[in-house]
Amino acid sequence: MASLAATYRRLGVGEGDRVVGYLPNTPDTIVALLAAASIGAVWSVCGMDYAASAALARFEQAGPGRAGARGVVRARGQGARPHRGGRRA
């Protein structure tokens, strides 16, 4: 969790920023939530059962500065980090 929080900080996420995730209900999603909360960011998520267009509509309302999707942010034994395919929202 601390590793992902540090990654969020390196990406410019700070207190009051909004971070969203298009993620399944897994422990990795909880790690992403806790990492965002630990730096004072606001977290929003919707599950992979949402159609991509519905998830996008939901997230546009939140106005996130960063987004994560399954395969973009991964938790690994050595900590969580963005996958090379990640992009800034």
PDB file of N, CA and C in Angstrom:
ATOM      1  N   MET A   1       0.820  -1.180   0.000  1.00  0.00           N
ATOM      2  CA  MET A   1       0.000   0.000   0.000  1.00  0.00           C
ATOM      3  C   MET A   1       0.871   1.252   0.000  1.00  0.00           C
ATOM      4  N   ALA A   2       1.923   1.235   0.802  1.00  0.00           N
ATOM      5  CA  ALA A   2       2.806   2.404   0.861  1.00  0.00           C
ATOM      6  C   ALA A   2       3.497   2.633  -0.478  1.00  0.00           C
ATOM      7  N   SER A   3       3.823   1.550  -1.166  1.00  0.00           N
ATOM      8  CA  SER A   3       4.480   1.669  -2.472  1.00  0.00           C
ATOM      9  C   SER A   3       3.547   2.322  -3.495  1.00  0.00           C
ATOM     10  N   LEU A   4       2.284   1.933  -3.496  1.00  0.00           N
ATOM     11  CA  LEU A   4       1.324   2.527  -4.422  1.00  0.00           C
ATOM     12  C   LEU A   4       1.061   3.986  -4.039  1.00  0.00           C
ATOM     13  N   ALA A   5       0.991   4.288  -2.744  1.00  0.00           N
ATOM     14  CA  ALA A   5       0.826   5.677  -2.303  1.00  0.00           C
ATOM     15  C   ALA A   5       1.994   6.527  -2.800  1.00  0.00           C
ATOM     16  N   ALA A   6       3.213   5.984  -2.726  1.00  0.00           N
ATOM     17  CA  ALA A   6       4.382   6.713  -3.231  1.00  0.00           C
ATOM     18  C   ALA A   6       4.286   6.910  -4.743  1.00  0.00           C
ATOM     19  N   THR A   7       3.765   5.916  -5.448  1.00  0.00           N
ATOM     20  CA  THR A   7       3.577   6.044  -6.900  1.00  0.00           C
ATOM     21  C   THR A   7       2.557   7.126  -7.201  1.00  0.00           C
ATOM     22  N   TYR A   8       1.465   7.139  -6.453  1.00  0.00           N
ATOM     23  CA  TYR A   8       0.473   8.212  -6.631  1.00  0.00           C
ATOM     24  C   TYR A   8       1.141   9.576  -6.451  1.00  0.00           C
ATOM     25  N   ARG A   9       1.949   9.715  -5.404  1.00  0.00           N
ATOM     26  CA  ARG A   9       2.625  10.997  -5.155  1.00  0.00           C
ATOM     27  C   ARG A   9       3.553  11.366  -6.310  1.00  0.00           C
ATOM     28  N   ARG A  10       4.313  10.386  -6.815  1.00  0.00           N
ATOM     29  CA  ARG A  10       5.202  10.650  -7.953  1.00  0.00           C
ATOM     30  C   ARG A  10       4.418  11.072  -9.186  1.00  0.00           C
ATOM     31  N   LEU A  11       3.176  10.597  -9.318  1.00  0.00           N
ATOM     32  CA  LEU A  11       2.327  10.973 -10.443  1.00  0.00           C
ATOM     33  C   LEU A  11       1.654  12.321 -10.220  1.00  0.00           C
ATOM     34  N   GLY A  12       1.886  12.918  -9.057  1.00  0.00           N
ATOM     35  CA  GLY A  12       1.337  14.240  -8.786  1.00  0.00           C
ATOM     36  C   GLY A  12       0.033  14.253  -8.029  1.00  0.00           C
ATOM     37  N   VAL A  13      -0.410  13.106  -7.528  1.00  0.00           N
ATOM     38  CA  VAL A  13      -1.651  13.040  -6.758  1.00  0.00           C
ATOM     39  C   VAL A  13      -1.378  13.544  -5.352  1.00  0.00           C
ATOM     40  N   GLY A  14      -2.262  14.404  -4.863  1.00  0.00           N
ATOM     41  CA  GLY A  14      -2.100  14.939  -3.523  1.00  0.00           C
ATOM     42  C   GLY A  14      -3.428  15.029  -2.794  1.00  0.00           C
ATOM     43  N   GLU A  15      -3.395  15.655  -1.655  1.00  0.00           N
ATOM     44  CA  GLU A  15      -4.582  15.802  -0.817  1.00  0.00           C
ATOM     45  C   GLU A  15      -5.688  16.517  -1.590  1.00  0.00           C
ATOM     46  N   GLY A  16      -6.879  15.925  -1.547  1.00  0.00           N
ATOM     47  CA  GLY A  16      -8.047  16.503  -2.210  1.00  0.00           C
ATOM     48  C   GLY A  16      -8.191  16.124  -3.678  1.00  0.00           C
ATOM     49  N   ASP A  17      -7.147  15.545  -4.279  1.00  0.00           N
ATOM     50  CA  ASP A  17      -7.273  15.091  -5.669  1.00  0.00           C
ATOM     51  C   ASP A  17      -8.191  13.882  -5.736  1.00  0.00           C
ATOM     52  N   ARG A  18      -8.768  13.670  -6.902  1.00  0.00           N
ATOM     53  CA  ARG A  18      -9.664  12.533  -7.102  1.00  0.00           C
ATOM     54  C   ARG A  18      -8.966  11.459  -7.918  1.00  0.00           C
ATOM     55  N   VAL A  19      -9.048  10.216  -7.428  1.00  0.00           N
ATOM     56  CA  VAL A  19      -8.480   9.049  -8.090  1.00  0.00           C
ATOM     57  C   VAL A  19      -9.613   8.057  -8.290  1.00  0.00           C
ATOM     58  N   VAL A  20      -9.732   7.520  -9.497  1.00  0.00           N
ATOM     59  CA  VAL A  20     -10.797   6.552  -9.769  1.00  0.00           C
ATOM     60  C   VAL A  20     -10.193   5.253 -10.258  1.00  0.00           C
ATOM     61  N   GLY A  21     -10.941   4.174 -10.088  1.00  0.00           N
ATOM     62  CA  GLY A  21     -10.498   2.869 -10.555  1.00  0.00           C
ATOM     63  C   GLY A  21     -11.619   2.121 -11.242  1.00  0.00           C
ATOM     64  N   TYR A  22     -11.306   1.503 -12.348  1.00  0.00           N
ATOM     65  CA  TYR A  22     -12.212   0.598 -13.078  1.00  0.00           C
ATOM     66  C   TYR A  22     -11.658  -0.793 -12.823  1.00  0.00           C
ATOM     67  N   LEU A  23     -12.019  -1.335 -11.667  1.00  0.00           N
ATOM     68  CA  LEU A  23     -11.345  -2.507 -11.125  1.00  0.00           C
ATOM     69  C   LEU A  23     -12.336  -3.554 -10.636  1.00  0.00           C
ATOM     70  N   PRO A  24     -11.920  -4.818 -10.629  1.00  0.00           N
ATOM     71  CA  PRO A  24     -12.760  -5.871 -10.061  1.00  0.00           C
ATOM     72  C   PRO A  24     -12.717  -5.814  -8.535  1.00  0.00           C
ATOM     73  N   ASN A  25     -13.609  -6.539  -7.902  1.00  0.00           N
ATOM     74  CA  ASN A  25     -13.639  -6.601  -6.439  1.00  0.00           C
ATOM     75  C   ASN A  25     -12.573  -7.588  -5.964  1.00  0.00           C
ATOM     76  N   THR A  26     -11.362  -7.075  -5.774  1.00  0.00           N
ATOM     77  CA  THR A  26     -10.232  -7.898  -5.349  1.00  0.00           C
ATOM     78  C   THR A  26      -9.466  -7.163  -4.252  1.00  0.00           C
ATOM     79  N   PRO A  27      -8.564  -7.847  -3.588  1.00  0.00           N
ATOM     80  CA  PRO A  27      -7.728  -7.175  -2.594  1.00  0.00           C
ATOM     81  C   PRO A  27      -6.901  -6.032  -3.192  1.00  0.00           C
ATOM     82  N   ASP A  28      -6.516  -6.137  -4.468  1.00  0.00           N
ATOM     83  CA  ASP A  28      -5.760  -5.059  -5.106  1.00  0.00           C
ATOM     84  C   ASP A  28      -6.552  -3.752  -5.119  1.00  0.00           C
ATOM     85  N   THR A  29      -7.855  -3.858  -5.278  1.00  0.00           N
ATOM     86  CA  THR A  29      -8.706  -2.669  -5.285  1.00  0.00           C
ATOM     87  C   THR A  29      -8.710  -2.013  -3.902  1.00  0.00           C
ATOM     88  N   ILE A  30      -8.722  -2.820  -2.871  1.00  0.00           N
ATOM     89  CA  ILE A  30      -8.671  -2.292  -1.504  1.00  0.00           C
ATOM     90  C   ILE A  30      -7.335  -1.593  -1.267  1.00  0.00           C
ATOM     91  N   VAL A  31      -6.252  -2.164  -1.780  1.00  0.00           N
ATOM     92  CA  VAL A  31      -4.933  -1.538  -1.657  1.00  0.00           C
ATOM     93  C   VAL A  31      -4.946  -0.171  -2.332  1.00  0.00           C
ATOM     94  N   ALA A  32      -5.540  -0.091  -3.527  1.00  0.00           N
ATOM     95  CA  ALA A  32      -5.603   1.184  -4.257  1.00  0.00           C
ATOM     96  C   ALA A  32      -6.404   2.219  -3.465  1.00  0.00           C
ATOM     97  N   LEU A  33      -7.525   1.805  -2.872  1.00  0.00           N
ATOM     98  CA  LEU A  33      -8.333   2.695  -2.037  1.00  0.00           C
ATOM     99  C   LEU A  33      -7.528   3.204  -0.851  1.00  0.00           C
ATOM    100  N   LEU A  34      -6.882   2.290  -0.133  1.00  0.00           N
ATOM    101  CA  LEU A  34      -6.125   2.683   1.060  1.00  0.00           C
ATOM    102  C   LEU A  34      -4.939   3.573   0.709  1.00  0.00           C
ATOM    103  N   ALA A  35      -4.306   3.304  -0.419  1.00  0.00           N
ATOM    104  CA  ALA A  35      -3.182   4.145  -0.849  1.00  0.00           C
ATOM    105  C   ALA A  35      -3.660   5.568  -1.127  1.00  0.00           C
ATOM    106  N   ALA A  36      -4.800   5.690  -1.819  1.00  0.00           N
ATOM    107  CA  ALA A  36      -5.349   7.017  -2.102  1.00  0.00           C
ATOM    108  C   ALA A  36      -5.732   7.730  -0.801  1.00  0.00           C
ATOM    109  N   ALA A  37      -6.394   7.018   0.083  1.00  0.00           N
ATOM    110  CA  ALA A  37      -6.826   7.614   1.353  1.00  0.00           C
ATOM    111  C   ALA A  37      -5.634   8.040   2.203  1.00  0.00           C
ATOM    112  N   SER A  38      -4.551   7.274   2.148  1.00  0.00           N
ATOM    113  CA  SER A  38      -3.392   7.584   2.990  1.00  0.00           C
ATOM    114  C   SER A  38      -2.726   8.902   2.615  1.00  0.00           C
ATOM    115  N   ILE A  39      -2.927   9.369   1.384  1.00  0.00           N
ATOM    116  CA  ILE A  39      -2.353  10.660   0.986  1.00  0.00           C
ATOM    117  C   ILE A  39      -3.419  11.753   0.911  1.00  0.00           C
ATOM    118  N   GLY A  40      -4.627  11.419   1.370  1.00  0.00           N
ATOM    119  CA  GLY A  40      -5.696  12.406   1.418  1.00  0.00           C
ATOM    120  C   GLY A  40      -6.451  12.589   0.115  1.00  0.00           C
ATOM    121  N   ALA A  41      -6.272  11.661  -0.819  1.00  0.00           N
ATOM    122  CA  ALA A  41      -6.999  11.744  -2.090  1.00  0.00           C
ATOM    123  C   ALA A  41      -8.390  11.137  -1.926  1.00  0.00           C
ATOM    124  N   VAL A  42      -9.308  11.559  -2.765  1.00  0.00           N
ATOM    125  CA  VAL A  42     -10.682  11.040  -2.764  1.00  0.00           C
ATOM    126  C   VAL A  42     -10.729   9.886  -3.753  1.00  0.00           C
ATOM    127  N   TRP A  43     -11.280   8.758  -3.353  1.00  0.00           N
ATOM    128  CA  TRP A  43     -11.301   7.536  -4.157  1.00  0.00           C
ATOM    129  C   TRP A  43     -12.713   7.222  -4.640  1.00  0.00           C
ATOM    130  N   SER A  44     -12.827   6.828  -5.877  1.00  0.00           N
ATOM    131  CA  SER A  44     -14.090   6.331  -6.428  1.00  0.00           C
ATOM    132  C   SER A  44     -13.775   5.134  -7.302  1.00  0.00           C
ATOM    133  N   VAL A  45     -14.627   4.147  -7.275  1.00  0.00           N
ATOM    134  CA  VAL A  45     -14.395   2.935  -8.058  1.00  0.00           C
ATOM    135  C   VAL A  45     -15.717   2.425  -8.608  1.00  0.00           C
ATOM    136  N   CYS A  46     -15.656   1.771  -9.739  1.00  0.00           N
ATOM    137  CA  CYS A  46     -16.788   0.972 -10.198  1.00  0.00           C
ATOM    138  C   CYS A  46     -16.225  -0.327 -10.732  1.00  0.00           C
ATOM    139  N   GLY A  47     -17.019  -1.370 -10.584  1.00  0.00           N
ATOM    140  CA  GLY A  47     -16.571  -2.705 -10.940  1.00  0.00           C
ATOM    141  C   GLY A  47     -16.499  -2.930 -12.437  1.00  0.00           C
ATOM    142  N   MET A  48     -15.856  -4.018 -12.784  1.00  0.00           N
ATOM    143  CA  MET A  48     -15.677  -4.379 -14.183  1.00  0.00           C
ATOM    144  C   MET A  48     -16.987  -4.813 -14.830  1.00  0.00           C
ATOM    145  N   ASP A  49     -18.057  -4.959 -14.038  1.00  0.00           N
ATOM    146  CA  ASP A  49     -19.353  -5.322 -14.612  1.00  0.00           C
ATOM    147  C   ASP A  49     -20.022  -4.129 -15.297  1.00  0.00           C
ATOM    148  N   TYR A  50     -19.503  -2.913 -15.084  1.00  0.00           N
ATOM    149  CA  TYR A  50     -19.992  -1.736 -15.808  1.00  0.00           C
ATOM    150  C   TYR A  50     -19.471  -1.789 -17.237  1.00  0.00           C
ATOM    151  N   ALA A  51     -20.303  -1.408 -18.184  1.00  0.00           N
ATOM    152  CA  ALA A  51     -19.804  -1.221 -19.552  1.00  0.00           C
ATOM    153  C   ALA A  51     -18.807  -0.068 -19.519  1.00  0.00           C
ATOM    154  N   ALA A  52     -17.814  -0.119 -20.398  1.00  0.00           N
ATOM    155  CA  ALA A  52     -16.786   0.928 -20.406  1.00  0.00           C
ATOM    156  C   ALA A  52     -17.407   2.315 -20.553  1.00  0.00           C
ATOM    157  N   SER A  53     -18.440   2.448 -21.384  1.00  0.00           N
ATOM    158  CA  SER A  53     -19.074   3.760 -21.575  1.00  0.00           C
ATOM    159  C   SER A  53     -19.774   4.230 -20.300  1.00  0.00           C
ATOM    160  N   ALA A  54     -20.382   3.312 -19.561  1.00  0.00           N
ATOM    161  CA  ALA A  54     -21.048   3.670 -18.311  1.00  0.00           C
ATOM    162  C   ALA A  54     -20.018   4.068 -17.249  1.00  0.00           C
ATOM    163  N   ALA A  55     -18.910   3.340 -17.196  1.00  0.00           N
ATOM    164  CA  ALA A  55     -17.854   3.683 -16.243  1.00  0.00           C
ATOM    165  C   ALA A  55     -17.283   5.058 -16.567  1.00  0.00           C
ATOM    166  N   LEU A  56     -17.053   5.326 -17.845  1.00  0.00           N
ATOM    167  CA  LEU A  56     -16.524   6.626 -18.255  1.00  0.00           C
ATOM    168  C   LEU A  56     -17.477   7.746 -17.860  1.00  0.00           C
ATOM    169  N   ALA A  57     -18.774   7.552 -18.082  1.00  0.00           N
ATOM    170  CA  ALA A  57     -19.762   8.574 -17.714  1.00  0.00           C
ATOM    171  C   ALA A  57     -19.734   8.828 -16.208  1.00  0.00           C
ATOM    172  N   ARG A  58     -19.626   7.763 -15.418  1.00  0.00           N
ATOM    173  CA  ARG A  58     -19.569   7.914 -13.961  1.00  0.00           C
ATOM    174  C   ARG A  58     -18.314   8.670 -13.541  1.00  0.00           C
ATOM    175  N   PHE A  59     -17.188   8.311 -14.122  1.00  0.00           N
ATOM    176  CA  PHE A  59     -15.931   8.933 -13.737  1.00  0.00           C
ATOM    177  C   PHE A  59     -15.809  10.369 -14.224  1.00  0.00           C
ATOM    178  N   GLU A  60     -16.408  10.687 -15.341  1.00  0.00           N
ATOM    179  CA  GLU A  60     -16.377  12.077 -15.813  1.00  0.00           C
ATOM    180  C   GLU A  60     -17.056  13.001 -14.816  1.00  0.00           C
ATOM    181  N   GLN A  61     -18.079  12.502 -14.135  1.00  0.00           N
ATOM    182  CA  GLN A  61     -18.762  13.306 -13.120  1.00  0.00           C
ATOM    183  C   GLN A  61     -17.849  13.585 -11.930  1.00  0.00           C
ATOM    184  N   ALA A  62     -16.961  12.634 -11.628  1.00  0.00           N
ATOM    185  CA  ALA A  62     -16.043  12.807 -10.498  1.00  0.00           C
ATOM    186  C   ALA A  62     -14.890  13.736 -10.859  1.00  0.00           C
ATOM    187  N   GLY A  63     -14.589  13.855 -12.139  1.00  0.00           N
ATOM    188  CA  GLY A  63     -13.498  14.719 -12.581  1.00  0.00           C
ATOM    189  C   GLY A  63     -12.146  14.286 -12.041  1.00  0.00           C
ATOM    190  N   PRO A  64     -11.751  13.010 -12.229  1.00  0.00           N
ATOM    191  CA  PRO A  64     -10.502  12.535 -11.639  1.00  0.00           C
ATOM    192  C   PRO A  64      -9.269  13.130 -12.297  1.00  0.00           C
ATOM    193  N   GLY A  65      -8.205  13.172 -11.529  1.00  0.00           N
ATOM    194  CA  GLY A  65      -6.912  13.555 -12.064  1.00  0.00           C
ATOM    195  C   GLY A  65      -6.133  12.337 -12.522  1.00  0.00           C
ATOM    196  N   ARG A  66      -6.407  11.170 -11.950  1.00  0.00           N
ATOM    197  CA  ARG A  66      -5.742   9.928 -12.316  1.00  0.00           C
ATOM    198  C   ARG A  66      -6.772   8.815 -12.348  1.00  0.00           C
ATOM    199  N   ALA A  67      -6.567   7.869 -13.219  1.00  0.00           N
ATOM    200  CA  ALA A  67      -7.458   6.711 -13.306  1.00  0.00           C
ATOM    201  C   ALA A  67      -6.631   5.447 -13.342  1.00  0.00           C
ATOM    202  N   GLY A  68      -7.191   4.379 -12.821  1.00  0.00           N
ATOM    203  CA  GLY A  68      -6.535   3.079 -12.877  1.00  0.00           C
ATOM    204  C   GLY A  68      -7.516   2.038 -13.366  1.00  0.00           C
ATOM    205  N   ALA A  69      -7.043   1.127 -14.157  1.00  0.00           N
ATOM    206  CA  ALA A  69      -7.875   0.030 -14.650  1.00  0.00           C
ATOM    207  C   ALA A  69      -7.130  -1.270 -14.409  1.00  0.00           C
ATOM    208  N   ARG A  70      -7.860  -2.348 -14.426  1.00  0.00           N
ATOM    209  CA  ARG A  70      -7.224  -3.643 -14.218  1.00  0.00           C
ATOM    210  C   ARG A  70      -6.112  -3.811 -15.240  1.00  0.00           C
ATOM    211  N   GLY A  71      -4.935  -4.145 -14.763  1.00  0.00           N
ATOM    212  CA  GLY A  71      -3.783  -4.274 -15.628  1.00  0.00           C
ATOM    213  C   GLY A  71      -2.939  -3.008 -15.670  1.00  0.00           C
ATOM    214  N   VAL A  72      -3.492  -1.895 -15.221  1.00  0.00           N
ATOM    215  CA  VAL A  72      -2.737  -0.640 -15.203  1.00  0.00           C
ATOM    216  C   VAL A  72      -2.052  -0.473 -13.852  1.00  0.00           C
ATOM    217  N   VAL A  73      -2.769  -0.722 -12.791  1.00  0.00           N
ATOM    218  CA  VAL A  73      -2.176  -0.664 -11.465  1.00  0.00           C
ATOM    219  C   VAL A  73      -2.222  -2.074 -10.900  1.00  0.00           C
ATOM    220  N   ARG A  74      -1.068  -2.621 -10.607  1.00  0.00           N
ATOM    221  CA  ARG A  74      -0.992  -3.999 -10.122  1.00  0.00           C
ATOM    222  C   ARG A  74      -0.250  -4.048  -8.796  1.00  0.00           C
ATOM    223  N   ALA A  75      -0.723  -4.874  -7.906  1.00  0.00           N
ATOM    224  CA  ALA A  75      -0.001  -5.117  -6.668  1.00  0.00           C
ATOM    225  C   ALA A  75       0.884  -6.335  -6.887  1.00  0.00           C
ATOM    226  N   ARG A  76       2.123  -6.216  -6.515  1.00  0.00           N
ATOM    227  CA  ARG A  76       3.076  -7.317  -6.666  1.00  0.00           C
ATOM    228  C   ARG A  76       3.742  -7.546  -5.308  1.00  0.00           C
ATOM    229  N   GLY A  77       4.443  -8.647  -5.202  1.00  0.00           N
ATOM    230  CA  GLY A  77       5.121  -8.973  -3.955  1.00  0.00           C
ATOM    231  C   GLY A  77       6.062  -7.873  -3.498  1.00  0.00           C
ATOM    232  N   GLN A  78       6.613  -7.099  -4.433  1.00  0.00           N
ATOM    233  CA  GLN A  78       7.543  -6.028  -4.079  1.00  0.00           C
ATOM    234  C   GLN A  78       6.851  -4.678  -3.990  1.00  0.00           C
ATOM    235  N   GLY A  79       5.554  -4.660  -4.012  1.00  0.00           N
ATOM    236  CA  GLY A  79       4.811  -3.411  -3.921  1.00  0.00           C
ATOM    237  C   GLY A  79       3.963  -3.185  -5.157  1.00  0.00           C
ATOM    238  N   ALA A  80       3.161  -2.177  -5.124  1.00  0.00           N
ATOM    239  CA  ALA A  80       2.267  -1.870  -6.237  1.00  0.00           C
ATOM    240  C   ALA A  80       2.899  -0.812  -7.113  1.00  0.00           C
ATOM    241  N   ARG A  81       2.684  -0.903  -8.399  1.00  0.00           N
ATOM    242  CA  ARG A  81       3.256   0.063  -9.334  1.00  0.00           C
ATOM    243  C   ARG A  81       2.409   0.120 -10.586  1.00  0.00           C
ATOM    244  N   PRO A  82       2.513   1.204 -11.333  1.00  0.00           N
ATOM    245  CA  PRO A  82       1.743   1.283 -12.569  1.00  0.00           C
ATOM    246  C   PRO A  82       2.339   0.377 -13.628  1.00  0.00           C
ATOM    247  N   HIS A  83       1.489  -0.233 -14.389  1.00  0.00           N
ATOM    248  CA  HIS A  83       1.907  -1.036 -15.526  1.00  0.00           C
ATOM    249  C   HIS A  83       2.298  -0.098 -16.658  1.00  0.00           C
ATOM    250  N   ARG A  84       3.182  -0.497 -17.552  1.00  0.00           N
ATOM    251  CA  ARG A  84       3.646   0.384 -18.616  1.00  0.00           C
ATOM    252  C   ARG A  84       2.519   0.894 -19.486  1.00  0.00           C
ATOM    253  N   GLY A  85       1.372   0.240 -19.512  1.00  0.00           N
ATOM    254  CA  GLY A  85       0.264   0.661 -20.359  1.00  0.00           C
ATOM    255  C   GLY A  85      -0.587   1.762 -19.744  1.00  0.00           C
ATOM    256  N   GLY A  86      -0.248   2.222 -18.527  1.00  0.00           N
ATOM    257  CA  GLY A  86      -1.062   3.226 -17.848  1.00  0.00           C
ATOM    258  C   GLY A  86      -1.035   4.559 -18.558  1.00  0.00           C
ATOM    259  N   ARG A  87      -2.060   5.359 -18.341  1.00  0.00           N
ATOM    260  CA  ARG A  87      -2.092   6.692 -18.919  1.00  0.00           C
ATOM    261  C   ARG A  87      -2.743   7.655 -17.975  1.00  0.00           C
ATOM    262  N   ARG A  88      -2.433   8.898 -18.137  1.00  0.00           N
ATOM    263  CA  ARG A  88      -2.998   9.955 -17.304  1.00  0.00           C
ATOM    264  C   ARG A  88      -4.381  10.294 -17.818  1.00  0.00           C
ATOM    265  N   ALA A  89      -5.317  10.459 -16.897  1.00  0.00           N
ATOM    266  CA  ALA A  89      -6.690  10.814 -17.282  1.00  0.00           C
ATOM    267  C   ALA A  89      -6.812  12.295 -17.489  1.00  0.00           C
TER     268      ALA A  89
END
